[in-house]
Amino acid sequence: MELTAKEQEILSRCFLFQGLEEELGRELMDQGEKRLFSPGETIYSAHDFRQAIGVILYGKVQVHNPGGVLLNTLHPGSCFGVAALFHPTQRYVSTVTAQEESGILFYSGETLERMFVRCPLTARNYISFLSQRIQFLNDKIGSFTAPTAQARLALWLLAHGPQPQVESYTQLSRELNLGRASLYRALESLEGEGLIRRQGNCIHLLSMEELETLAHAN
């Protein structure tokens, strides 16, 4: 398939194509399969999914866990599906739904294997992405075992910085396993200490070093 210049620009943000020469990058990008999804349409569910990476070309996509809790909102250039790619699972870990009309470009496992052979840098990019996800998940585990609300919040902020966008503070309190009052007190505490600045749903991290110290304090 042939992609537009705008779609190629969006795909260039995807981890797979980082650092590639422009001509080779365009050639590899064209190997995906494009699908359109209507608002509210399920893209992946526990038992209905494909073993492929999906990259968002336009629109907005939400990811929920099996309990219906919102985990993430994905925008153009973001991807999903890595967890099911080279793993013979019969069950996907979350539900992925189009929040608005969305165009998704899918790269199957077979396509990616050919891509890795053709351009080893894409394989390195893939491994690097997985390494970052492992670190992110370790930080998530740490956020549930951190001794204080401030430490849990600091871990979350560092994992999503430098300017995390909070879709919902109620949702964030659930994600951190904190009461809303505890979350707001933690936010006020960090802001009072000059570590963060809130601006609507955007949180600016002002002192990464001090947040790191707080996050990993015993």
N, C-alpha and C. Protein backbone atom coordinates (compact mmCIF):
# COMPACT_ATOMS: atom_id res chain seq x y z
N MET A 1 0.84 -1.19 0.00
CA MET A 1 0.00 0.00 0.00
C MET A 1 0.88 1.24 0.00
N GLU A 2 0.33 2.34 -0.53
CA GLU A 2 1.09 3.59 -0.60
C GLU A 2 0.54 4.57 0.42
N LEU A 3 1.43 5.12 1.22
CA LEU A 3 1.05 6.04 2.29
C LEU A 3 1.20 7.48 1.83
N THR A 4 0.39 8.36 2.41
CA THR A 4 0.53 9.78 2.13
C THR A 4 1.74 10.34 2.88
N ALA A 5 2.16 11.54 2.50
CA ALA A 5 3.30 12.17 3.17
C ALA A 5 2.99 12.40 4.65
N LYS A 6 1.74 12.77 4.96
CA LYS A 6 1.36 13.00 6.36
C LYS A 6 1.40 11.70 7.14
N GLU A 7 0.92 10.61 6.55
CA GLU A 7 0.96 9.32 7.23
C GLU A 7 2.39 8.86 7.47
N GLN A 8 3.27 9.11 6.50
CA GLN A 8 4.68 8.76 6.68
C GLN A 8 5.30 9.57 7.81
N GLU A 9 4.91 10.85 7.91
CA GLU A 9 5.45 11.69 8.99
C GLU A 9 5.00 11.16 10.35
N ILE A 10 3.74 10.73 10.44
CA ILE A 10 3.22 10.18 11.70
C ILE A 10 3.93 8.87 12.03
N LEU A 11 4.13 8.01 11.04
CA LEU A 11 4.80 6.73 11.27
C LEU A 11 6.25 6.92 11.69
N SER A 12 6.86 8.02 11.27
CA SER A 12 8.25 8.26 11.64
C SER A 12 8.41 8.44 13.14
N ARG A 13 7.30 8.71 13.86
CA ARG A 13 7.35 8.84 15.32
C ARG A 13 7.35 7.47 16.00
N CYS A 14 6.94 6.43 15.27
CA CYS A 14 6.87 5.09 15.84
C CYS A 14 8.28 4.57 16.11
N PHE A 15 8.45 3.85 17.22
CA PHE A 15 9.77 3.38 17.63
C PHE A 15 10.46 2.55 16.55
N LEU A 16 9.69 1.80 15.75
CA LEU A 16 10.29 0.90 14.76
C LEU A 16 11.17 1.63 13.75
N PHE A 17 10.78 2.84 13.39
CA PHE A 17 11.42 3.52 12.26
C PHE A 17 12.40 4.61 12.70
N GLN A 18 12.73 4.63 13.98
CA GLN A 18 13.67 5.63 14.48
C GLN A 18 15.07 5.38 13.91
N GLY A 19 15.68 6.44 13.37
CA GLY A 19 17.06 6.36 12.91
C GLY A 19 17.25 5.77 11.53
N LEU A 20 16.17 5.44 10.82
CA LEU A 20 16.30 4.84 9.49
C LEU A 20 16.53 5.91 8.44
N GLU A 21 17.26 5.53 7.38
CA GLU A 21 17.39 6.43 6.24
C GLU A 21 16.01 6.65 5.63
N GLU A 22 15.78 7.85 5.12
CA GLU A 22 14.44 8.25 4.70
C GLU A 22 13.85 7.31 3.65
N GLU A 23 14.62 6.98 2.62
CA GLU A 23 14.08 6.14 1.54
C GLU A 23 13.75 4.73 2.03
N LEU A 24 14.66 4.15 2.82
CA LEU A 24 14.41 2.81 3.36
C LEU A 24 13.23 2.84 4.32
N GLY A 25 13.15 3.88 5.14
CA GLY A 25 12.04 4.01 6.07
C GLY A 25 10.70 4.02 5.36
N ARG A 26 10.61 4.80 4.28
CA ARG A 26 9.35 4.87 3.51
C ARG A 26 8.99 3.50 2.94
N GLU A 27 10.00 2.79 2.44
CA GLU A 27 9.75 1.48 1.85
C GLU A 27 9.22 0.49 2.89
N LEU A 28 9.80 0.51 4.09
CA LEU A 28 9.37 -0.41 5.13
C LEU A 28 8.00 -0.02 5.69
N MET A 29 7.74 1.27 5.80
CA MET A 29 6.44 1.73 6.29
C MET A 29 5.31 1.22 5.41
N ASP A 30 5.55 1.15 4.10
CA ASP A 30 4.51 0.76 3.15
C ASP A 30 4.09 -0.70 3.25
N GLN A 31 4.76 -1.48 4.10
CA GLN A 31 4.48 -2.91 4.18
C GLN A 31 3.33 -3.25 5.13
N GLY A 32 2.73 -2.23 5.75
CA GLY A 32 1.63 -2.48 6.68
C GLY A 32 0.28 -2.62 5.99
N GLU A 33 -0.72 -3.00 6.77
CA GLU A 33 -2.10 -3.15 6.30
C GLU A 33 -2.98 -2.13 7.03
N LYS A 34 -3.63 -1.26 6.27
CA LYS A 34 -4.42 -0.18 6.87
C LYS A 34 -5.87 -0.62 7.08
N ARG A 35 -6.40 -0.29 8.29
CA ARG A 35 -7.80 -0.57 8.62
C ARG A 35 -8.42 0.67 9.25
N LEU A 36 -9.71 0.88 8.98
CA LEU A 36 -10.45 2.00 9.56
C LEU A 36 -11.42 1.48 10.60
N PHE A 37 -11.58 2.23 11.70
CA PHE A 37 -12.47 1.83 12.79
C PHE A 37 -13.38 3.00 13.16
N SER A 38 -14.65 2.68 13.39
CA SER A 38 -15.65 3.69 13.75
C SER A 38 -15.59 3.98 15.25
N PRO A 39 -16.12 5.14 15.68
CA PRO A 39 -16.15 5.45 17.12
C PRO A 39 -16.86 4.35 17.91
N GLY A 40 -16.23 3.89 18.99
CA GLY A 40 -16.80 2.85 19.82
C GLY A 40 -16.50 1.44 19.35
N GLU A 41 -15.91 1.28 18.18
CA GLU A 41 -15.63 -0.06 17.66
C GLU A 41 -14.43 -0.68 18.38
N THR A 42 -14.56 -1.96 18.71
CA THR A 42 -13.47 -2.67 19.38
C THR A 42 -12.42 -3.09 18.36
N ILE A 43 -11.18 -2.74 18.64
CA ILE A 43 -10.07 -3.09 17.76
C ILE A 43 -9.43 -4.40 18.20
N TYR A 44 -9.13 -4.50 19.49
CA TYR A 44 -8.63 -5.74 20.09
C TYR A 44 -9.46 -6.01 21.34
N SER A 45 -9.77 -7.29 21.57
CA SER A 45 -10.39 -7.70 22.82
C SER A 45 -9.69 -8.97 23.29
N ALA A 46 -10.12 -9.50 24.42
CA ALA A 46 -9.42 -10.65 25.01
C ALA A 46 -9.28 -11.81 24.05
N HIS A 47 -10.33 -12.10 23.26
CA HIS A 47 -10.30 -13.28 22.39
C HIS A 47 -10.46 -12.94 20.91
N ASP A 48 -10.40 -11.66 20.58
CA ASP A 48 -10.52 -11.24 19.18
C ASP A 48 -9.44 -10.20 18.89
N PHE A 49 -8.30 -10.67 18.43
CA PHE A 49 -7.17 -9.79 18.17
C PHE A 49 -6.28 -10.44 17.12
N ARG A 50 -5.35 -9.68 16.61
CA ARG A 50 -4.39 -10.22 15.65
C ARG A 50 -2.99 -10.10 16.23
N GLN A 51 -2.11 -10.99 15.83
CA GLN A 51 -0.72 -10.92 16.31
C GLN A 51 0.03 -9.94 15.40
N ALA A 52 -0.14 -8.68 15.75
CA ALA A 52 0.42 -7.61 14.94
C ALA A 52 0.55 -6.36 15.80
N ILE A 53 1.47 -5.49 15.41
CA ILE A 53 1.57 -4.17 16.01
C ILE A 53 0.63 -3.24 15.24
N GLY A 54 -0.17 -2.49 15.96
CA GLY A 54 -1.03 -1.49 15.34
C GLY A 54 -0.50 -0.10 15.62
N VAL A 55 -0.29 0.70 14.58
CA VAL A 55 0.18 2.08 14.74
C VAL A 55 -0.95 3.02 14.34
N ILE A 56 -1.26 3.97 15.19
CA ILE A 56 -2.37 4.88 14.94
C ILE A 56 -1.95 5.97 13.95
N LEU A 57 -2.68 6.05 12.83
CA LEU A 57 -2.41 7.08 11.82
C LEU A 57 -3.21 8.34 12.10
N TYR A 58 -4.45 8.18 12.53
CA TYR A 58 -5.26 9.32 12.94
C TYR A 58 -6.36 8.82 13.87
N GLY A 59 -6.93 9.75 14.63
CA GLY A 59 -7.98 9.37 15.57
C GLY A 59 -7.44 9.25 16.99
N LYS A 60 -8.22 8.58 17.84
CA LYS A 60 -7.87 8.41 19.25
C LYS A 60 -8.35 7.04 19.70
N VAL A 61 -7.51 6.34 20.44
CA VAL A 61 -7.79 4.96 20.85
C VAL A 61 -7.60 4.84 22.36
N GLN A 62 -8.50 4.11 23.01
CA GLN A 62 -8.38 3.89 24.45
C GLN A 62 -8.08 2.43 24.75
N VAL A 63 -7.30 2.23 25.82
CA VAL A 63 -6.92 0.88 26.26
C VAL A 63 -7.46 0.68 27.67
N HIS A 64 -8.26 -0.38 27.87
CA HIS A 64 -8.82 -0.70 29.18
C HIS A 64 -8.34 -2.08 29.63
N ASN A 65 -8.22 -2.25 30.94
CA ASN A 65 -7.88 -3.57 31.46
C ASN A 65 -9.13 -4.43 31.54
N PRO A 66 -9.02 -5.73 31.89
CA PRO A 66 -10.20 -6.60 31.92
C PRO A 66 -11.31 -6.11 32.86
N GLY A 67 -10.95 -5.30 33.85
CA GLY A 67 -11.95 -4.77 34.77
C GLY A 67 -12.61 -3.50 34.28
N GLY A 68 -12.22 -3.04 33.08
CA GLY A 68 -12.81 -1.84 32.52
C GLY A 68 -12.13 -0.55 32.92
N VAL A 69 -11.01 -0.63 33.63
CA VAL A 69 -10.28 0.57 34.06
C VAL A 69 -9.45 1.09 32.89
N LEU A 70 -9.55 2.39 32.64
CA LEU A 70 -8.79 3.02 31.55
C LEU A 70 -7.30 3.00 31.89
N LEU A 71 -6.50 2.39 31.01
CA LEU A 71 -5.06 2.32 31.21
C LEU A 71 -4.32 3.40 30.44
N ASN A 72 -4.82 3.71 29.24
CA ASN A 72 -4.08 4.66 28.41
C ASN A 72 -4.98 5.17 27.30
N THR A 73 -4.67 6.37 26.83
CA THR A 73 -5.30 6.94 25.64
C THR A 73 -4.20 7.17 24.61
N LEU A 74 -4.36 6.58 23.44
CA LEU A 74 -3.32 6.60 22.42
C LEU A 74 -3.69 7.56 21.29
N HIS A 75 -2.68 8.26 20.79
CA HIS A 75 -2.87 9.26 19.74
C HIS A 75 -2.01 8.89 18.52
N PRO A 76 -2.15 9.61 17.41
CA PRO A 76 -1.36 9.29 16.21
C PRO A 76 0.13 9.16 16.50
N GLY A 77 0.71 8.09 15.96
CA GLY A 77 2.12 7.78 16.19
C GLY A 77 2.34 6.76 17.28
N SER A 78 1.33 6.58 18.17
CA SER A 78 1.43 5.57 19.23
C SER A 78 1.09 4.20 18.66
N CYS A 79 1.46 3.16 19.40
CA CYS A 79 1.21 1.80 18.91
C CYS A 79 0.69 0.92 20.04
N PHE A 80 0.15 -0.23 19.67
CA PHE A 80 -0.32 -1.23 20.62
C PHE A 80 -0.15 -2.60 19.98
N GLY A 81 -0.31 -3.66 20.78
CA GLY A 81 -0.26 -5.02 20.24
C GLY A 81 1.06 -5.73 20.42
N VAL A 82 2.06 -5.06 20.99
CA VAL A 82 3.38 -5.68 21.14
C VAL A 82 3.31 -6.93 22.01
N ALA A 83 2.42 -6.91 23.02
CA ALA A 83 2.35 -8.02 23.98
C ALA A 83 1.95 -9.34 23.33
N ALA A 84 1.23 -9.28 22.21
CA ALA A 84 0.74 -10.51 21.58
C ALA A 84 1.53 -10.90 20.34
N LEU A 85 2.59 -10.18 20.05
CA LEU A 85 3.22 -10.31 18.74
C LEU A 85 3.92 -11.65 18.53
N PHE A 86 4.90 -11.97 19.37
CA PHE A 86 5.67 -13.20 19.19
C PHE A 86 5.43 -14.17 20.35
N HIS A 87 4.21 -14.12 20.87
CA HIS A 87 3.84 -14.97 22.00
C HIS A 87 2.58 -15.75 21.61
N PRO A 88 2.61 -17.09 21.68
CA PRO A 88 1.47 -17.90 21.22
C PRO A 88 0.30 -17.89 22.19
N THR A 89 -0.15 -16.71 22.56
CA THR A 89 -1.24 -16.60 23.52
C THR A 89 -2.59 -16.65 22.81
N GLN A 90 -3.59 -17.15 23.50
CA GLN A 90 -4.95 -17.17 22.97
C GLN A 90 -5.80 -16.07 23.59
N ARG A 91 -5.16 -15.23 24.40
CA ARG A 91 -5.91 -14.19 25.11
C ARG A 91 -5.10 -12.90 25.14
N TYR A 92 -5.71 -11.81 24.72
CA TYR A 92 -5.03 -10.52 24.76
C TYR A 92 -5.23 -9.89 26.13
N VAL A 93 -4.27 -9.07 26.54
CA VAL A 93 -4.23 -8.60 27.93
C VAL A 93 -5.18 -7.43 28.21
N SER A 94 -5.70 -6.78 27.16
CA SER A 94 -6.55 -5.61 27.39
C SER A 94 -7.53 -5.45 26.24
N THR A 95 -8.41 -4.47 26.38
CA THR A 95 -9.37 -4.15 25.32
C THR A 95 -8.98 -2.81 24.71
N VAL A 96 -8.86 -2.79 23.39
CA VAL A 96 -8.47 -1.58 22.67
C VAL A 96 -9.67 -1.13 21.84
N THR A 97 -10.10 0.11 22.05
CA THR A 97 -11.32 0.61 21.42
C THR A 97 -11.08 1.97 20.77
N ALA A 98 -11.68 2.18 19.61
CA ALA A 98 -11.59 3.48 18.94
C ALA A 98 -12.50 4.47 19.66
N GLN A 99 -11.94 5.55 20.17
CA GLN A 99 -12.74 6.56 20.84
C GLN A 99 -13.40 7.49 19.81
N GLU A 100 -12.74 7.64 18.67
CA GLU A 100 -13.27 8.39 17.54
C GLU A 100 -12.84 7.67 16.27
N GLU A 101 -13.32 8.11 15.12
CA GLU A 101 -12.93 7.44 13.88
C GLU A 101 -11.40 7.41 13.79
N SER A 102 -10.87 6.20 13.58
CA SER A 102 -9.42 6.03 13.66
C SER A 102 -8.90 5.17 12.51
N GLY A 103 -7.74 5.53 12.02
CA GLY A 103 -7.04 4.73 11.02
C GLY A 103 -5.84 4.06 11.66
N ILE A 104 -5.76 2.73 11.52
CA ILE A 104 -4.69 1.95 12.13
C ILE A 104 -3.92 1.21 11.05
N LEU A 105 -2.60 1.24 11.13
CA LEU A 105 -1.75 0.48 10.22
C LEU A 105 -1.17 -0.69 11.00
N PHE A 106 -1.44 -1.91 10.52
CA PHE A 106 -1.00 -3.13 11.21
C PHE A 106 0.23 -3.73 10.53
N TYR A 107 1.19 -4.14 11.36
CA TYR A 107 2.36 -4.87 10.89
C TYR A 107 2.36 -6.24 11.58
N SER A 108 2.15 -7.29 10.79
CA SER A 108 2.07 -8.64 11.35
C SER A 108 3.45 -9.12 11.79
N GLY A 109 3.47 -10.22 12.56
CA GLY A 109 4.73 -10.80 12.97
C GLY A 109 5.59 -11.21 11.79
N GLU A 110 4.95 -11.79 10.77
CA GLU A 110 5.70 -12.21 9.58
C GLU A 110 6.31 -11.01 8.86
N THR A 111 5.54 -9.93 8.77
CA THR A 111 6.05 -8.71 8.12
C THR A 111 7.24 -8.16 8.90
N LEU A 112 7.13 -8.16 10.22
CA LEU A 112 8.22 -7.63 11.04
C LEU A 112 9.46 -8.51 10.96
N GLU A 113 9.29 -9.82 10.88
CA GLU A 113 10.45 -10.70 10.74
C GLU A 113 11.22 -10.38 9.46
N ARG A 114 10.49 -10.16 8.37
CA ARG A 114 11.15 -9.78 7.11
C ARG A 114 11.82 -8.42 7.25
N MET A 115 11.17 -7.52 7.98
CA MET A 115 11.72 -6.18 8.19
C MET A 115 13.01 -6.25 8.99
N PHE A 116 13.04 -7.11 10.01
CA PHE A 116 14.24 -7.24 10.85
C PHE A 116 15.42 -7.77 10.04
N VAL A 117 15.15 -8.69 9.12
CA VAL A 117 16.21 -9.24 8.27
C VAL A 117 16.71 -8.17 7.31
N ARG A 118 15.77 -7.44 6.72
CA ARG A 118 16.13 -6.40 5.74
C ARG A 118 16.88 -5.25 6.40
N CYS A 119 16.46 -4.88 7.61
CA CYS A 119 17.06 -3.73 8.29
C CYS A 119 17.22 -4.06 9.77
N PRO A 120 18.39 -4.54 10.18
CA PRO A 120 18.61 -4.92 11.58
C PRO A 120 18.35 -3.80 12.59
N LEU A 121 18.43 -2.55 12.15
CA LEU A 121 18.16 -1.45 13.07
C LEU A 121 16.73 -1.50 13.59
N THR A 122 15.78 -1.97 12.77
CA THR A 122 14.40 -2.09 13.25
C THR A 122 14.30 -3.13 14.36
N ALA A 123 15.10 -4.20 14.26
CA ALA A 123 15.12 -5.22 15.33
C ALA A 123 15.68 -4.62 16.61
N ARG A 124 16.73 -3.83 16.47
CA ARG A 124 17.31 -3.17 17.65
C ARG A 124 16.30 -2.21 18.27
N ASN A 125 15.58 -1.47 17.43
CA ASN A 125 14.56 -0.55 17.94
C ASN A 125 13.47 -1.31 18.69
N TYR A 126 13.11 -2.48 18.17
CA TYR A 126 12.08 -3.31 18.81
C TYR A 126 12.56 -3.79 20.18
N ILE A 127 13.80 -4.26 20.25
CA ILE A 127 14.35 -4.73 21.53
C ILE A 127 14.46 -3.58 22.52
N SER A 128 14.87 -2.42 22.04
CA SER A 128 14.98 -1.24 22.90
C SER A 128 13.61 -0.86 23.47
N PHE A 129 12.58 -0.93 22.63
CA PHE A 129 11.23 -0.61 23.08
C PHE A 129 10.79 -1.58 24.18
N LEU A 130 11.05 -2.88 23.97
CA LEU A 130 10.67 -3.87 24.98
C LEU A 130 11.42 -3.64 26.29
N SER A 131 12.69 -3.25 26.20
CA SER A 131 13.47 -2.95 27.40
C SER A 131 12.86 -1.79 28.17
N GLN A 132 12.42 -0.77 27.44
CA GLN A 132 11.78 0.37 28.09
C GLN A 132 10.48 -0.04 28.75
N ARG A 133 9.73 -0.95 28.10
CA ARG A 133 8.48 -1.42 28.69
C ARG A 133 8.73 -2.20 29.98
N ILE A 134 9.79 -2.99 30.00
CA ILE A 134 10.13 -3.74 31.21
C ILE A 134 10.43 -2.78 32.35
N GLN A 135 11.22 -1.74 32.05
CA GLN A 135 11.52 -0.75 33.09
C GLN A 135 10.25 -0.05 33.56
N PHE A 136 9.38 0.28 32.59
CA PHE A 136 8.12 0.94 32.94
C PHE A 136 7.28 0.05 33.86
N LEU A 137 7.19 -1.25 33.54
CA LEU A 137 6.39 -2.16 34.36
C LEU A 137 7.01 -2.35 35.74
N ASN A 138 8.33 -2.36 35.81
CA ASN A 138 8.99 -2.44 37.12
C ASN A 138 8.64 -1.21 37.96
N ASP A 139 8.61 -0.05 37.31
CA ASP A 139 8.24 1.17 38.02
C ASP A 139 6.78 1.11 38.47
N LYS A 140 5.92 0.50 37.61
CA LYS A 140 4.51 0.36 37.98
C LYS A 140 4.37 -0.51 39.22
N ILE A 141 5.12 -1.61 39.25
CA ILE A 141 5.10 -2.48 40.43
C ILE A 141 5.56 -1.70 41.65
N GLY A 142 6.61 -0.90 41.45
CA GLY A 142 7.12 -0.09 42.54
C GLY A 142 6.10 0.90 43.05
N SER A 143 5.25 1.40 42.13
CA SER A 143 4.25 2.39 42.55
C SER A 143 3.21 1.78 43.49
N PHE A 144 3.00 0.45 43.40
CA PHE A 144 2.05 -0.20 44.29
C PHE A 144 2.67 -0.58 45.63
N THR A 145 4.00 -0.65 45.67
CA THR A 145 4.66 -1.06 46.90
C THR A 145 5.38 0.10 47.58
N ALA A 146 5.36 1.28 46.97
CA ALA A 146 6.00 2.45 47.57
C ALA A 146 5.34 2.76 48.91
N PRO A 147 6.13 3.19 49.91
CA PRO A 147 5.60 3.33 51.27
C PRO A 147 4.66 4.50 51.48
N THR A 148 4.72 5.52 50.62
CA THR A 148 3.87 6.70 50.82
C THR A 148 3.15 7.07 49.53
N ALA A 149 2.09 7.86 49.67
CA ALA A 149 1.35 8.33 48.50
C ALA A 149 2.24 9.21 47.63
N GLN A 150 3.09 10.03 48.27
CA GLN A 150 3.99 10.89 47.50
C GLN A 150 4.97 10.07 46.67
N ALA A 151 5.47 8.98 47.24
CA ALA A 151 6.41 8.13 46.51
C ALA A 151 5.73 7.44 45.34
N ARG A 152 4.51 6.96 45.53
CA ARG A 152 3.76 6.33 44.43
C ARG A 152 3.53 7.32 43.30
N LEU A 153 3.13 8.53 43.69
CA LEU A 153 2.87 9.56 42.69
C LEU A 153 4.16 9.94 41.97
N ALA A 154 5.26 10.06 42.70
CA ALA A 154 6.54 10.41 42.08
C ALA A 154 6.96 9.36 41.05
N LEU A 155 6.78 8.08 41.37
CA LEU A 155 7.11 7.01 40.43
C LEU A 155 6.28 7.13 39.16
N TRP A 156 4.99 7.39 39.33
CA TRP A 156 4.11 7.53 38.17
C TRP A 156 4.52 8.72 37.31
N LEU A 157 4.81 9.83 37.95
CA LEU A 157 5.21 11.04 37.21
C LEU A 157 6.49 10.81 36.42
N LEU A 158 7.46 10.16 37.04
CA LEU A 158 8.73 9.90 36.36
C LEU A 158 8.55 8.98 35.17
N ALA A 159 7.61 8.03 35.29
CA ALA A 159 7.36 7.09 34.19
C ALA A 159 6.64 7.75 33.03
N HIS A 160 5.95 8.88 33.29
CA HIS A 160 5.15 9.52 32.25
C HIS A 160 5.65 10.92 31.88
N GLY A 161 6.77 11.37 32.49
CA GLY A 161 7.26 12.73 32.31
C GLY A 161 7.80 12.99 30.92
N PRO A 162 8.29 14.24 30.69
CA PRO A 162 8.48 15.33 31.66
C PRO A 162 7.24 16.20 31.87
N GLN A 163 6.20 16.02 31.05
CA GLN A 163 4.97 16.79 31.23
C GLN A 163 3.77 15.85 31.10
N PRO A 164 3.54 15.01 32.11
CA PRO A 164 2.45 14.03 32.03
C PRO A 164 1.09 14.70 31.86
N GLN A 165 0.26 14.09 31.03
CA GLN A 165 -1.12 14.53 30.87
C GLN A 165 -2.02 13.56 31.65
N VAL A 166 -2.83 14.09 32.54
CA VAL A 166 -3.72 13.27 33.36
C VAL A 166 -5.12 13.32 32.75
N GLU A 167 -5.58 12.19 32.24
CA GLU A 167 -6.92 12.14 31.65
C GLU A 167 -7.98 12.38 32.72
N SER A 168 -7.78 11.79 33.89
CA SER A 168 -8.75 11.90 34.98
C SER A 168 -8.03 11.63 36.30
N TYR A 169 -8.17 12.55 37.25
CA TYR A 169 -7.52 12.34 38.55
C TYR A 169 -8.19 11.20 39.31
N THR A 170 -9.48 10.99 39.06
CA THR A 170 -10.15 9.84 39.67
C THR A 170 -9.54 8.54 39.15
N GLN A 171 -9.30 8.49 37.83
CA GLN A 171 -8.68 7.32 37.24
C GLN A 171 -7.26 7.13 37.76
N LEU A 172 -6.53 8.22 37.91
CA LEU A 172 -5.16 8.13 38.42
C LEU A 172 -5.14 7.60 39.85
N SER A 173 -6.10 8.01 40.66
CA SER A 173 -6.14 7.52 42.04
C SER A 173 -6.36 6.01 42.07
N ARG A 174 -7.20 5.50 41.14
CA ARG A 174 -7.41 4.05 41.06
C ARG A 174 -6.14 3.35 40.60
N GLU A 175 -5.48 3.95 39.62
CA GLU A 175 -4.27 3.34 39.08
C GLU A 175 -3.19 3.22 40.14
N LEU A 176 -3.11 4.21 41.03
CA LEU A 176 -2.10 4.20 42.09
C LEU A 176 -2.59 3.52 43.37
N ASN A 177 -3.85 3.05 43.33
CA ASN A 177 -4.44 2.40 44.50
C ASN A 177 -4.46 3.35 45.70
N LEU A 178 -4.87 4.59 45.42
CA LEU A 178 -4.96 5.62 46.45
C LEU A 178 -6.38 6.19 46.47
N GLY A 179 -6.80 6.68 47.63
CA GLY A 179 -8.04 7.44 47.67
C GLY A 179 -7.83 8.79 47.00
N ARG A 180 -8.91 9.39 46.51
CA ARG A 180 -8.78 10.68 45.83
C ARG A 180 -8.20 11.74 46.76
N ALA A 181 -8.63 11.73 48.02
CA ALA A 181 -8.12 12.72 48.97
C ALA A 181 -6.62 12.55 49.16
N SER A 182 -6.16 11.29 49.24
CA SER A 182 -4.72 11.03 49.41
C SER A 182 -3.94 11.50 48.18
N LEU A 183 -4.51 11.27 46.99
CA LEU A 183 -3.84 11.71 45.77
C LEU A 183 -3.72 13.23 45.74
N TYR A 184 -4.80 13.93 46.07
CA TYR A 184 -4.76 15.40 46.03
C TYR A 184 -3.79 15.95 47.08
N ARG A 185 -3.73 15.30 48.24
CA ARG A 185 -2.77 15.75 49.25
C ARG A 185 -1.34 15.54 48.76
N ALA A 186 -1.09 14.41 48.07
CA ALA A 186 0.24 14.15 47.53
C ALA A 186 0.60 15.17 46.46
N LEU A 187 -0.35 15.51 45.60
CA LEU A 187 -0.11 16.52 44.57
C LEU A 187 0.21 17.87 45.20
N GLU A 188 -0.57 18.25 46.20
CA GLU A 188 -0.34 19.53 46.88
C GLU A 188 1.01 19.54 47.58
N SER A 189 1.39 18.39 48.15
CA SER A 189 2.68 18.30 48.84
C SER A 189 3.84 18.48 47.86
N LEU A 190 3.79 17.78 46.72
CA LEU A 190 4.87 17.90 45.74
C LEU A 190 4.91 19.29 45.14
N GLU A 191 3.74 19.88 44.94
CA GLU A 191 3.70 21.24 44.39
C GLU A 191 4.23 22.24 45.41
N GLY A 192 3.88 22.04 46.68
CA GLY A 192 4.36 22.93 47.73
C GLY A 192 5.86 22.87 47.91
N GLU A 193 6.45 21.70 47.63
CA GLU A 193 7.91 21.54 47.74
C GLU A 193 8.64 22.00 46.48
N GLY A 194 7.88 22.44 45.48
CA GLY A 194 8.50 22.94 44.26
C GLY A 194 8.98 21.86 43.30
N LEU A 195 8.44 20.63 43.46
CA LEU A 195 8.87 19.53 42.59
C LEU A 195 8.04 19.45 41.32
N ILE A 196 6.80 19.93 41.37
CA ILE A 196 5.92 19.91 40.21
C ILE A 196 5.14 21.21 40.13
N ARG A 197 4.54 21.44 38.96
CA ARG A 197 3.60 22.55 38.80
C ARG A 197 2.43 22.04 37.98
N ARG A 198 1.22 22.20 38.51
CA ARG A 198 0.03 21.75 37.80
C ARG A 198 -0.54 22.87 36.95
N GLN A 199 -0.95 22.50 35.75
CA GLN A 199 -1.59 23.44 34.83
C GLN A 199 -2.72 22.69 34.13
N GLY A 200 -3.91 22.75 34.73
CA GLY A 200 -5.01 21.96 34.22
C GLY A 200 -4.71 20.48 34.41
N ASN A 201 -4.81 19.71 33.34
CA ASN A 201 -4.51 18.28 33.40
C ASN A 201 -3.07 17.96 33.05
N CYS A 202 -2.26 19.00 32.89
CA CYS A 202 -0.83 18.81 32.61
C CYS A 202 -0.03 19.06 33.88
N ILE A 203 0.91 18.17 34.17
CA ILE A 203 1.78 18.32 35.34
C ILE A 203 3.22 18.51 34.85
N HIS A 204 3.82 19.62 35.17
CA HIS A 204 5.19 19.90 34.78
C HIS A 204 6.13 19.42 35.89
N LEU A 205 7.11 18.62 35.52
CA LEU A 205 8.09 18.13 36.49
C LEU A 205 9.23 19.13 36.58
N LEU A 206 9.43 19.71 37.76
CA LEU A 206 10.40 20.79 37.93
C LEU A 206 11.73 20.31 38.47
N SER A 207 11.74 19.16 39.14
CA SER A 207 12.99 18.64 39.72
C SER A 207 12.99 17.12 39.62
N MET A 208 13.50 16.61 38.49
CA MET A 208 13.54 15.17 38.27
C MET A 208 14.39 14.47 39.34
N GLU A 209 15.51 15.10 39.72
CA GLU A 209 16.42 14.47 40.68
C GLU A 209 15.75 14.29 42.04
N GLU A 210 15.04 15.32 42.50
CA GLU A 210 14.37 15.21 43.80
C GLU A 210 13.20 14.24 43.75
N LEU A 211 12.52 14.18 42.60
CA LEU A 211 11.45 13.20 42.44
C LEU A 211 12.00 11.77 42.48
N GLU A 212 13.16 11.56 41.85
CA GLU A 212 13.82 10.25 41.88
C GLU A 212 14.15 9.86 43.32
N THR A 213 14.68 10.80 44.08
CA THR A 213 15.03 10.53 45.48
C THR A 213 13.78 10.16 46.28
N LEU A 214 12.71 10.91 46.07
CA LEU A 214 11.46 10.64 46.78
C LEU A 214 10.87 9.29 46.38
N ALA A 215 10.92 8.99 45.08
CA ALA A 215 10.30 7.76 44.57
C ALA A 215 10.97 6.51 45.12
N HIS A 216 12.26 6.58 45.36
CA HIS A 216 13.00 5.38 45.78
C HIS A 216 13.42 5.42 47.24
N ALA A 217 12.82 6.34 47.99
CA ALA A 217 13.12 6.40 49.43
C ALA A 217 12.46 5.22 50.13
N ASN A 218 13.13 4.65 51.11
CA ASN A 218 12.58 3.52 51.87
C ASN A 218 11.66 4.03 52.98
